[in-house]
Protein backbone atom coordinates (compact mmCIF):
# COMPACT_ATOMS: atom_id res chain seq x y z
CA MET A 1 154.95 270.34 90.06
CA PHE A 2 153.23 273.36 91.53
CA GLY A 3 155.24 275.69 89.09
CA PHE A 4 153.49 273.86 86.30
CA LEU A 5 150.24 274.03 87.71
CA LEU A 6 150.37 277.87 88.40
CA VAL A 7 151.27 278.31 84.84
CA LEU A 8 148.58 276.11 83.49
CA LEU A 9 146.20 278.19 85.56
CA CYS A 10 147.52 281.40 84.49
CA ILE A 11 147.16 280.09 80.74
CA GLY A 12 143.39 279.16 81.63
CA ALA A 13 142.49 282.28 83.08
CA TYR A 14 144.12 284.29 80.24
CA PHE A 15 142.03 282.11 77.45
CA HIS A 16 138.85 282.64 79.52
CA CYS A 17 139.29 286.70 79.86
CA LYS A 18 139.89 286.63 76.26
CA GLN A 19 136.90 284.52 74.93
CA LYS A 20 134.36 285.64 77.52
CA GLY A 21 135.76 289.01 78.43
CA CYS A 22 137.19 290.07 82.25
CA HIS A 23 134.66 292.47 83.96
CA PHE A 24 136.86 294.25 86.14
CA HIS A 25 135.16 297.50 86.06
CA LYS A 26 132.40 295.74 88.07
CA LEU A 27 134.47 296.19 90.88
CA VAL A 28 133.76 299.74 90.74
CA ASN A 29 130.11 299.33 90.85
CA SER A 30 130.04 296.92 93.57
CA HIS A 31 128.79 299.27 96.02
CA GLN A 32 125.57 300.38 93.88
CA ASP A 33 125.27 296.66 93.18
CA ALA A 34 124.84 295.96 96.87
CA LEU A 35 122.25 298.91 97.03
CA ASP A 36 120.37 297.20 94.36
CA ILE A 37 120.42 293.91 96.15
CA VAL A 38 119.20 295.45 99.48
CA ARG A 39 116.55 297.14 97.26
CA ILE A 40 115.46 293.97 95.64
CA ARG A 41 115.64 291.92 98.97
CA TYR A 42 113.26 294.15 100.30
CA ALA A 43 110.87 294.29 97.37
CA ARG A 44 110.60 290.93 97.55
CA GLY A 45 109.87 290.75 101.16
CA GLU A 46 112.86 288.86 102.49
CA ILE A 47 114.20 291.65 104.64
CA SER A 48 111.98 293.95 107.03
CA SER A 49 111.73 297.71 106.72
CA GLU A 50 113.92 298.27 109.77
CA GLU A 51 116.56 295.94 108.26
CA PHE A 52 116.42 297.46 104.82
CA ASN A 53 116.97 301.04 106.26
CA GLU A 54 119.88 299.73 108.36
CA ARG A 55 121.59 298.08 105.56
CA GLN A 56 120.83 301.29 103.09
CA ASN A 57 122.46 303.55 105.71
CA ALA A 58 125.56 301.00 106.22
CA LEU A 59 126.39 301.15 102.39
CA LYS A 60 125.96 304.85 102.16
């Protein structure tokens, strides 16, 4: 039963990637994405300047 579900999951994942495209290249840009998120959160006022500097330094 478990094997059958695993096969169905793999087939579903294959067709999902084929239709919508898989974006494995986004994993490479995850560092830049994290910096962008920190910058956006700072611009929105969600984090303080001290927290912004700490997070920015940790990501560099």
